[in-house]
Structure formats: structure tokens, C-alpha cells
């Protein structure tokens, strides 16, 4: 068990959560992830025209049925119309699944969440979209042993083996929250009809790509920039991990962060010093990317940096003391990307502040400092002797 107070909880796409759980439960999953790309549109033509389907917005939003973000019992042709309607509302990520017919009385509710005391479970024999109107039916329990799981399974009339596997998956894949509402058991069939979940984003290295940062959902309808999409694609193709989220397109504080808890500390420090509204982005690279991958990631971040209309801008290249990522190799990629836009950075009077440690840090930091000074965009370069809050304070000065 780890402390839930320090977890970086991120909403996971329903498609990815269902893929993970169906695999653990040894149940075939027939859903598909869908966006507005040409490739996705072509996949619609491959659906069985004799069957009907469900399409839902997959953006980390709860109560989708009540918000009109779900369409049920639609033919493949009708799906095209429904997706267009949802797209016009600003959504771009969807999940499509075969439509399941069942008796509403079969709906059950189940959720797990990491809390200070352990794993808290809420469950009810009466699930579905009106579960909140039936609060008196919801029971709460802290899982203290396998016997607790057996009791919950018995009350839900659910196979204890399946419930036990869900708990094991919850821990193995670093879920911090998992809500299944409803799940249905009919004629020995087990259906996970709707899932909302969160994971500990700092654990991405340990889940063997069963989920990645590209599976995170923000819960809003902001269309991703081309740069964010490029980074998502990069992460999907790489053994390393990359994510980039634009918070304020005209922000003045841009962060090129390496993975781990240090990234969270650096971003939090900006907020703690009262500059949260000026923070332009959040994101990180981890998992020992090579120089080419780091170059591509940095290039996309720098595009956003140069587009910002803020009067004064800084770039913070930060991170903790890496265990795996080679500082020298990643800095080769960073410097290559900086070299391409250095003249534009000079015109905008952008300075660069660096705090990094890890394998080959001496060579990497010396190489970075030399480049920044020669190009007259030097702000500060430090190793682990410089504290994380200190580098932010230097940049904001």
C-alpha cells in the first residue's frame, strides 16, 4: 500500500480501463477506441451491419447518459450521425461497443478507492444512472482480508473469483479509483457496461504499457493542439513515455520536465509562488528515451513556447536525479531542438533554467551550459545540489 495523498491521480480512458479489466477477467472485449481521424472513420465500415452498437464520449466525464453524451442501440450508419453530433459539441475521443440487452433490475454498482485506511469499497444491488437516488442501498467497506471480498461478492451475488481478480488488477495496475456502474450478470455472462477510473500517473514505468500517458483524459472538451497530438503519437510508438498538456497557450512559464515525483514538485512550486495562471504547460518524459525521441518531444514543446504571446517567457528544463534516463543522451536531443529555434528565442529574450541529475549528469550539464552561454540564452544550470524550489525561484526572478 502506498500513501494516497502523494499520488498523481489521472483519469484513465474507459477504453483502456476496460481493456485491462477484460484481460484480467479473461473476458473478450469487443470495444474500439475511436476519434475523428480518417483511419477511425474507415473502421466504422468494418462493423457488422446486422448488429447495433453504443457510442460514448471517452473524455473522463461522468454522468454521460444524463448529459446526452451516450447513444444506444445504433446501427453502424447511425453511429456516423451520432459521432458527428458529439463532435460538434467539441468532443474528439469516443468508445464504440456492441449493444447489450438486459433487464434493468440486473444492474449493480461497485467502486474501489484508495483512502488513508486502505481500499474503500462502495457497492449496491441497485446500480445504473439513478444510483445516487438510491443512496440508502449503497454499502461501504474497507477491505482488510480475502474474507471481506467474499462477503461483498456474496451480497452482490457475484463470482468471488471475478471480484478477487478485479482487486488484484486494481493493485497491479496502480489504480487509485475504479467505479463500475453498472455491471450486469445475466445467464452466466459478466458485463462491465460503464467504467470510470483513475490511476497513479507516476507508476507508468511499472505497468508495462498496459496504460500510458496517452490514455489519460482531462474531463474537458478542449481540442488537443497539433503538438499535443504529436507527443501522444510519439509515446504510443516508443518504449519510453511522453506526455504534454497545454494549460495556457499564452503562458509565460514553460516546463520541460523529466519523469517522477520531481516533475510534480516543480509544477506545484510555480503554483505555491503565486504564478499558477502563468504556467503554460505540464508534461514529462521518462523511461530513458533516446536522443531522437527527446529531440522530437522538445521540438513540440518549443513550438508552443514560441507561439505564446506572453511578454516575458522562461523555459525550465527540470527533473530529479534519474535512475534510468541518461542525462547526456537526452540533453543531446534537447540541445538539437533548441539549436533549431535559438534565433527566435533570442528575439523573444527567452532564458533557459536547468536542474537535473542522474547517469552522466556531469557531461550532460556541462554540454548544456556551454551551449546556452554560447547562444546567449543562459539562465542557470544546476545539478541536484540545487533544490527543486530553488530553480523555480531563479526562473521566476
Protein backbone atom coordinates (compact mmCIF):
# COMPACT_ATOMS: atom_id res chain seq x y z
CA UNK A 1 0.00 0.00 0.00
CA UNK A 2 1.27 3.47 -0.73
CA UNK A 3 0.21 6.88 0.51
CA UNK A 4 -2.77 8.13 -1.48
CA UNK A 5 -2.03 11.73 -0.51
CA UNK A 6 1.01 11.92 -2.80
CA UNK A 7 -0.40 10.12 -5.82
CA UNK A 8 -0.71 11.99 -9.08
CA UNK A 9 -4.21 10.76 -9.93
CA UNK A 10 -5.10 10.89 -13.61
CA UNK A 11 -8.37 9.91 -15.25
CA UNK A 12 -7.96 6.88 -17.49
CA UNK A 13 -9.90 6.43 -20.70
CA UNK A 14 -12.78 3.99 -20.38
CA UNK A 15 -11.46 2.05 -23.37
CA UNK A 16 -8.10 1.44 -21.69
CA UNK A 17 -9.62 0.58 -18.29
CA UNK A 18 -11.97 -1.92 -19.91
CA UNK A 19 -9.15 -3.43 -21.97
CA UNK A 20 -7.12 -4.02 -18.79
CA UNK A 21 -10.01 -5.45 -16.76
CA UNK A 22 -11.37 -7.69 -19.50
CA UNK A 23 -7.90 -9.17 -19.94
CA UNK A 24 -7.60 -9.84 -16.21
CA UNK A 25 -11.09 -11.36 -16.10
CA UNK A 26 -10.36 -13.44 -19.22
CA UNK A 27 -13.41 -11.99 -20.98
CA UNK A 28 -13.14 -10.96 -24.67
CA UNK A 29 -13.51 -7.21 -25.13
CA UNK A 30 -15.17 -6.08 -28.37
CA UNK A 31 -14.98 -2.32 -27.89
CA UNK A 32 -12.95 0.02 -30.09
CA UNK A 33 -11.40 3.41 -29.42
CA UNK A 34 -12.45 6.00 -31.96
CA UNK A 35 -11.51 9.56 -32.85
CA UNK A 36 -12.17 11.83 -35.81
CA UNK A 37 -9.25 10.62 -37.89
CA UNK A 38 -9.61 9.09 -41.35
CA UNK A 39 -8.37 5.72 -40.06
CA UNK A 40 -11.08 5.65 -37.40
CA UNK A 41 -13.80 6.57 -39.89
CA UNK A 42 -12.73 3.66 -42.07
CA UNK A 43 -13.14 1.30 -39.12
CA UNK A 44 -16.85 2.11 -38.94
CA UNK A 45 -17.36 0.46 -42.32
CA UNK A 46 -15.94 -2.77 -40.85
CA UNK A 47 -18.64 -3.09 -38.18
CA UNK A 48 -21.32 -5.76 -38.58
CA UNK A 49 -24.31 -4.10 -40.26
CA UNK A 50 -26.69 -6.67 -38.73
CA UNK A 51 -25.83 -5.61 -35.17
CA UNK A 52 -26.34 -2.44 -33.16
CA UNK A 53 -23.83 -0.54 -31.05
CA UNK A 54 -23.29 2.01 -28.30
CA UNK A 55 -21.15 5.12 -28.77
CA UNK A 56 -19.97 7.16 -25.78
CA UNK A 57 -17.73 10.16 -25.31
CA UNK A 58 -14.49 8.87 -23.75
CA UNK A 59 -13.13 12.04 -22.16
CA UNK A 60 -13.11 11.26 -18.44
CA UNK A 61 -16.62 12.65 -17.91
CA UNK A 62 -19.13 11.08 -15.52
CA UNK A 63 -22.94 11.06 -15.84
CA UNK A 64 -22.63 10.94 -19.62
CA UNK A 65 -26.07 9.46 -20.16
CA UNK A 66 -27.74 12.37 -18.36
CA UNK A 67 -25.58 14.82 -20.30
CA UNK A 68 -26.55 13.39 -23.68
CA UNK A 69 -23.08 12.01 -24.38
CA UNK A 70 -24.20 8.42 -24.99
CA UNK A 71 -26.16 6.95 -27.92
CA UNK A 72 -27.63 3.44 -27.58
CA UNK A 73 -28.74 0.74 -29.97
CA UNK A 74 -27.39 2.35 -33.17
CA UNK A 75 -26.57 0.72 -36.48
CA UNK A 76 -23.13 1.43 -38.00
CA UNK A 77 -24.71 4.02 -40.31
CA UNK A 78 -26.45 5.71 -37.41
CA UNK A 79 -23.17 5.78 -35.49
CA UNK A 80 -21.73 8.15 -38.07
CA UNK A 81 -24.57 10.61 -37.43
CA UNK A 82 -24.25 10.32 -33.65
CA UNK A 83 -20.48 10.83 -33.71
CA UNK A 84 -20.92 13.92 -35.83
CA UNK A 85 -23.37 15.35 -33.28
CA UNK A 86 -20.96 14.68 -30.41
CA UNK A 87 -18.04 16.11 -32.38
CA UNK A 88 -19.98 19.32 -32.94
CA UNK A 89 -20.17 19.65 -29.15
CA UNK A 90 -16.37 19.70 -29.08
CA UNK A 91 -15.57 16.08 -28.26
CA UNK A 92 -12.98 14.08 -30.17
CA UNK A 93 -12.48 10.81 -28.25
CA UNK A 94 -15.13 8.06 -28.31
CA UNK A 95 -15.65 4.42 -27.44
CA UNK A 96 -17.86 2.09 -29.50
CA UNK A 97 -19.16 -1.22 -28.15
CA UNK A 98 -21.77 -3.84 -29.09
CA UNK A 99 -25.17 -3.00 -27.61
CA UNK A 100 -26.17 -5.36 -24.76
CA UNK A 101 -29.82 -6.02 -23.92
CA UNK A 102 -30.58 -6.89 -20.30
CA UNK A 103 -33.14 -6.37 -17.56
CA UNK A 104 -32.60 -3.07 -15.67
CA UNK A 105 -33.09 -4.97 -12.41
CA UNK A 106 -29.79 -6.76 -13.14
CA UNK A 107 -27.74 -3.55 -12.77
CA UNK A 108 -25.29 -3.47 -9.86
CA UNK A 109 -22.90 -0.81 -8.57
CA UNK A 110 -19.30 -1.33 -7.43
CA UNK A 111 -16.35 1.01 -6.75
CA UNK A 112 -12.90 0.84 -5.14
CA UNK A 113 -10.85 3.82 -3.98
CA UNK A 114 -7.54 4.19 -2.19
CA UNK A 115 -8.04 6.09 1.05
CA UNK A 116 -5.91 6.62 4.15
CA UNK A 117 -7.25 3.44 5.78
CA UNK A 118 -6.79 1.18 2.75
CA UNK A 119 -9.12 0.16 -0.07
CA UNK A 120 -12.62 1.55 0.40
CA UNK A 121 -15.39 -0.30 -1.42
CA UNK A 122 -18.88 1.00 -2.17
CA UNK A 123 -21.39 -1.47 -3.59
CA UNK A 124 -25.09 -1.90 -4.21
CA UNK A 125 -27.55 -4.35 -5.73
CA UNK A 126 -29.18 -1.33 -7.43
CA UNK A 127 -26.85 0.26 -9.97
CA UNK A 128 -27.32 2.34 -13.10
CA UNK A 129 -27.71 6.05 -13.83
CA UNK A 130 -30.03 6.58 -10.85
CA UNK A 131 -27.72 5.04 -8.26
CA UNK A 132 -27.43 8.37 -6.44
CA UNK A 133 -31.19 8.38 -5.92
CA UNK A 134 -30.80 5.02 -4.16
CA UNK A 135 -28.07 6.01 -1.70
CA UNK A 136 -29.67 4.03 1.08
CA UNK A 137 -28.86 0.84 -0.83
CA UNK A 138 -25.12 1.58 -1.07
CA UNK A 139 -22.92 -0.24 1.44
CA UNK A 140 -19.36 0.76 2.39
CA UNK A 141 -16.50 -1.44 3.50
CA UNK A 142 -12.72 -1.28 3.98
CA UNK A 143 -11.07 -4.37 2.51
CA UNK A 144 -8.96 -5.93 5.25
CA UNK A 145 -8.76 -9.54 4.06
CA UNK A 146 -9.89 -12.04 1.45
CA UNK A 147 -12.86 -12.74 3.69
CA UNK A 148 -14.09 -9.16 3.14
CA UNK A 149 -14.04 -9.76 -0.62
CA UNK A 150 -16.01 -12.98 -0.13
CA UNK A 151 -18.68 -11.11 1.84
CA UNK A 152 -19.01 -8.41 -0.82
CA UNK A 153 -19.20 -11.00 -3.60
CA UNK A 154 -21.90 -12.89 -1.76
CA UNK A 155 -24.04 -9.79 -1.21
CA UNK A 156 -23.67 -8.80 -4.88
CA UNK A 157 -24.33 -12.39 -5.99
CA UNK A 158 -21.11 -12.12 -7.99
CA UNK A 159 -18.50 -14.88 -8.54
CA UNK A 160 -15.86 -14.28 -5.88
CA UNK A 161 -13.09 -15.25 -8.33
CA UNK A 162 -14.00 -12.38 -10.65
CA UNK A 163 -14.20 -9.87 -7.83
CA UNK A 164 -10.87 -11.07 -6.47
CA UNK A 165 -9.27 -10.59 -9.89
CA UNK A 166 -10.59 -7.04 -10.05
CA UNK A 167 -8.95 -6.25 -6.70
CA UNK A 168 -5.68 -7.80 -7.85
CA UNK A 169 -5.80 -5.76 -11.08
CA UNK A 170 -6.55 -2.62 -9.05
CA UNK A 171 -3.25 -3.05 -7.22
CA UNK A 172 -1.17 -4.46 -10.07
CA UNK A 173 -2.01 -1.62 -12.46
CA UNK A 174 -1.86 1.16 -9.86
CA UNK A 175 -5.48 2.23 -9.97
CA UNK A 176 -6.39 4.83 -7.37
CA UNK A 177 -10.11 4.79 -8.19
CA UNK A 178 -12.32 2.38 -10.10
CA UNK A 179 -16.09 2.63 -10.50
CA UNK A 180 -18.12 0.05 -12.42
CA UNK A 181 -21.69 1.27 -12.87
CA UNK A 182 -23.47 -0.68 -13.90
CA UNK A 183 -22.11 -4.17 -14.10
CA UNK A 184 -24.55 -6.89 -15.05
CA UNK A 185 -24.63 -10.66 -14.56
CA UNK A 186 -27.15 -12.49 -16.74
CA UNK A 187 -27.15 -16.10 -17.86
CA UNK A 188 -23.56 -16.56 -16.62
CA UNK A 189 -22.40 -13.57 -18.67
CA UNK A 190 -20.47 -10.81 -16.87
CA UNK A 191 -20.75 -7.32 -18.38
CA UNK A 192 -18.74 -4.24 -17.35
CA UNK A 193 -21.02 -1.72 -19.01
CA UNK A 194 -19.65 1.58 -17.76
CA UNK A 195 -16.33 2.36 -16.07
CA UNK A 196 -14.78 5.49 -14.57
CA UNK A 197 -11.24 5.19 -13.23
CA UNK A 198 -8.09 6.98 -12.14
CA UNK A 199 -4.51 5.74 -11.94
CA UNK A 200 -1.31 6.90 -10.29
CA UNK A 201 0.46 8.57 -13.22
CA UNK A 202 3.88 8.29 -11.55
CA UNK A 203 3.60 4.48 -11.79
CA UNK A 204 3.57 4.35 -15.59
CA UNK A 205 7.02 2.72 -15.68
CA UNK A 206 5.73 -0.26 -13.66
CA UNK A 207 2.64 -1.23 -15.66
CA UNK A 208 4.42 -2.49 -18.79
CA UNK A 209 2.44 -0.25 -21.17
CA UNK A 210 -0.92 -1.68 -20.10
CA UNK A 211 -1.73 2.03 -19.85
CA UNK A 212 0.33 5.07 -20.83
CA UNK A 213 0.01 8.84 -20.56
CA UNK A 214 -1.74 8.85 -23.93
CA UNK A 215 -4.67 7.09 -22.21
CA UNK A 216 -5.22 9.94 -19.73
CA UNK A 217 -8.36 12.03 -20.10
CA UNK A 218 -8.81 15.53 -18.74
CA UNK A 219 -12.59 15.57 -18.37
CA UNK A 220 -12.99 18.63 -20.57
CA UNK A 221 -13.64 19.19 -24.27
CA UNK A 222 -10.56 21.20 -25.15
CA UNK A 223 -9.31 20.11 -28.54
CA UNK A 224 -5.70 18.99 -28.42
CA UNK A 225 -3.13 21.06 -30.26
CA UNK A 226 -1.10 19.54 -33.08
CA UNK A 227 1.87 19.50 -30.73
CA UNK A 228 -0.02 17.55 -28.05
CA UNK A 229 -1.20 15.06 -30.66
CA UNK A 230 2.36 14.62 -31.94
CA UNK A 231 3.55 13.83 -28.42
CA UNK A 232 0.70 11.34 -27.92
CA UNK A 233 1.77 9.59 -31.11
CA UNK A 234 5.41 9.63 -30.05
CA UNK A 235 4.52 7.99 -26.73
CA UNK A 236 2.50 5.28 -28.46
CA UNK A 237 5.44 4.36 -30.70
CA UNK A 238 8.16 4.48 -28.06
CA UNK A 239 9.24 2.24 -25.21
CA UNK A 240 9.78 5.46 -23.26
CA UNK A 241 6.93 7.65 -22.02
CA UNK A 242 5.99 11.16 -23.12
CA UNK A 243 3.05 13.40 -22.29
CA UNK A 244 2.35 17.06 -22.90
CA UNK A 245 -0.65 19.12 -21.85
CA UNK A 246 -1.07 22.78 -22.79
CA UNK A 247 -2.59 24.65 -19.85
CA UNK A 248 -2.34 28.23 -21.11
CA UNK A 249 -1.40 28.89 -24.72
CA UNK A 250 -0.19 32.37 -23.80
CA UNK A 251 1.52 31.39 -20.57
CA UNK A 252 4.99 32.60 -19.73
CA UNK A 253 6.43 29.64 -17.79
CA UNK A 254 7.16 26.58 -19.92
CA UNK A 255 8.38 23.33 -18.36
CA UNK A 256 10.46 20.59 -20.00
CA UNK A 257 10.31 18.00 -17.23
CA UNK A 258 11.65 14.52 -16.73
CA UNK A 259 9.52 11.85 -15.08
CA UNK A 260 8.91 11.03 -11.45
CA UNK A 261 7.81 12.99 -8.42
CA UNK A 262 10.20 15.87 -9.16
CA UNK A 263 8.00 16.94 -12.07
CA UNK A 264 5.04 17.34 -9.74
CA UNK A 265 7.15 19.25 -7.20
CA UNK A 266 8.40 21.69 -9.84
CA UNK A 267 4.92 22.40 -11.20
CA UNK A 268 3.47 22.72 -7.69
CA UNK A 269 6.18 25.21 -6.75
CA UNK A 270 5.04 27.52 -9.55
CA UNK A 271 1.55 27.49 -8.02
CA UNK A 272 2.88 27.88 -4.49
CA UNK A 273 4.70 31.06 -5.50
CA UNK A 274 1.51 32.53 -6.96
CA UNK A 275 2.31 32.07 -10.66
CA UNK A 276 -0.14 29.27 -11.44
CA UNK A 277 -2.03 31.29 -14.05
CA UNK A 278 1.22 31.87 -15.95
CA UNK A 279 2.15 28.17 -16.10
CA UNK A 280 1.85 27.29 -19.78
CA UNK A 281 2.11 23.50 -19.75
CA UNK A 282 2.58 20.32 -17.86
CA UNK A 283 4.12 17.12 -19.15
CA UNK A 284 7.15 14.94 -18.83
CA UNK A 285 9.43 12.42 -20.47
CA UNK A 286 10.62 9.27 -18.71
CA UNK A 287 11.76 5.70 -19.28
CA UNK A 288 15.19 6.52 -20.76
CA UNK A 289 14.22 7.97 -24.17
CA UNK A 290 16.91 8.21 -26.80
CA UNK A 291 18.25 11.46 -28.24
CA UNK A 292 15.96 11.42 -31.29
CA UNK A 293 12.84 10.92 -29.20
CA UNK A 294 13.84 13.65 -26.76
CA UNK A 295 14.50 15.96 -29.70
CA UNK A 296 11.01 15.35 -31.11
CA UNK A 297 9.40 15.91 -27.71
CA UNK A 298 11.37 19.11 -27.08
CA UNK A 299 10.66 20.43 -30.57
CA UNK A 300 6.91 20.25 -29.98
CA UNK A 301 7.22 21.99 -26.62
CA UNK A 302 9.34 24.76 -28.16
CA UNK A 303 6.72 25.33 -30.86
CA UNK A 304 4.19 26.10 -28.12
CA UNK A 305 6.72 28.27 -26.31
CA UNK A 306 7.38 30.45 -29.35
CA UNK A 307 3.66 30.75 -30.18
CA UNK A 308 2.86 32.22 -26.76
CA UNK A 309 2.19 35.96 -26.84
CA UNK A 310 3.39 36.50 -23.24
CA UNK A 311 5.79 39.42 -22.84
CA UNK A 312 8.35 37.58 -20.71
CA UNK A 313 8.92 33.87 -21.08
CA UNK A 314 11.22 31.29 -19.48
CA UNK A 315 11.93 27.64 -20.15
CA UNK A 316 12.62 25.39 -17.16
CA UNK A 317 14.37 22.12 -18.00
CA UNK A 318 13.92 20.25 -14.75
CA UNK A 319 13.79 16.92 -13.02
CA UNK A 320 15.07 14.91 -10.11
CA UNK A 321 18.01 12.52 -10.02
CA UNK A 322 17.21 9.95 -12.70
CA UNK A 323 17.69 6.23 -12.15
CA UNK A 324 17.38 5.25 -15.80
CA UNK A 325 17.26 8.23 -18.17
CA UNK A 326 20.75 9.15 -19.42
CA UNK A 327 21.13 12.90 -18.90
CA UNK A 328 23.83 13.22 -21.55
CA UNK A 329 21.82 11.43 -24.24
CA UNK A 330 18.57 13.25 -23.53
CA UNK A 331 20.37 16.62 -23.49
CA UNK A 332 21.78 15.88 -26.94
CA UNK A 333 18.18 15.78 -28.16
CA UNK A 334 17.16 18.87 -26.18
CA UNK A 335 20.11 20.92 -27.48
CA UNK A 336 19.40 19.87 -31.05
CA UNK A 337 15.83 21.16 -30.74
CA UNK A 338 16.98 24.39 -29.06
CA UNK A 339 19.55 24.97 -31.83
CA UNK A 340 16.80 24.97 -34.46
CA UNK A 341 14.92 27.86 -32.82
CA UNK A 342 17.66 29.65 -30.90
CA UNK A 343 17.45 32.82 -33.01
CA UNK A 344 13.71 33.09 -32.34
CA UNK A 345 14.36 32.55 -28.65
CA UNK A 346 16.90 35.38 -28.67
CA UNK A 347 14.42 37.71 -30.34
CA UNK A 348 11.85 36.92 -27.66
CA UNK A 349 14.54 37.18 -24.95
CA UNK A 350 13.76 33.74 -23.57
CA UNK A 351 16.14 32.37 -20.94
CA UNK A 352 16.66 28.72 -20.02
CA UNK A 353 16.98 27.39 -16.46
CA UNK A 354 18.18 23.83 -15.86
CA UNK A 355 18.16 21.48 -12.84
CA UNK A 356 18.91 17.81 -13.50
CA UNK A 357 20.75 14.80 -12.14
CA UNK A 358 21.31 11.18 -13.00
CA UNK A 359 23.54 8.96 -15.16
CA UNK A 360 26.24 11.01 -16.98
CA UNK A 361 24.94 14.22 -15.43
CA UNK A 362 28.36 15.91 -15.39
CA UNK A 363 28.87 15.59 -19.13
CA UNK A 364 25.25 16.45 -19.88
CA UNK A 365 25.14 19.55 -17.70
CA UNK A 366 28.49 20.82 -18.98
CA UNK A 367 27.33 20.35 -22.55
CA UNK A 368 24.07 22.19 -21.83
CA UNK A 369 25.75 25.07 -20.00
CA UNK A 370 28.27 25.57 -22.80
CA UNK A 371 25.54 25.70 -25.43
CA UNK A 372 23.30 28.12 -23.51
CA UNK A 373 26.15 30.50 -22.78
CA UNK A 374 27.44 30.47 -26.34
CA UNK A 375 23.95 31.21 -27.64
CA UNK A 376 23.26 33.89 -25.00
CA UNK A 377 20.09 32.23 -23.70
CA UNK A 378 21.68 31.11 -20.43
CA UNK A 379 19.69 31.49 -17.25
CA UNK A 380 21.12 28.93 -14.83
CA UNK A 381 22.35 25.33 -14.87
CA UNK A 382 22.48 23.23 -11.70
CA UNK A 383 22.68 19.64 -10.52
CA UNK A 384 20.99 18.01 -7.51
CA UNK A 385 22.76 20.45 -5.16
CA UNK A 386 20.24 23.00 -6.42
CA UNK A 387 16.89 22.26 -4.78
CA UNK A 388 13.77 21.93 -6.89
CA UNK A 389 12.08 25.02 -5.39
CA UNK A 390 15.30 27.00 -5.87
CA UNK A 391 15.41 26.53 -9.66
CA UNK A 392 11.81 27.75 -9.94
CA UNK A 393 12.58 30.81 -7.83
CA UNK A 394 15.59 31.62 -10.04
CA UNK A 395 13.48 31.29 -13.19
CA UNK A 396 10.67 33.48 -11.84
CA UNK A 397 13.09 36.21 -10.81
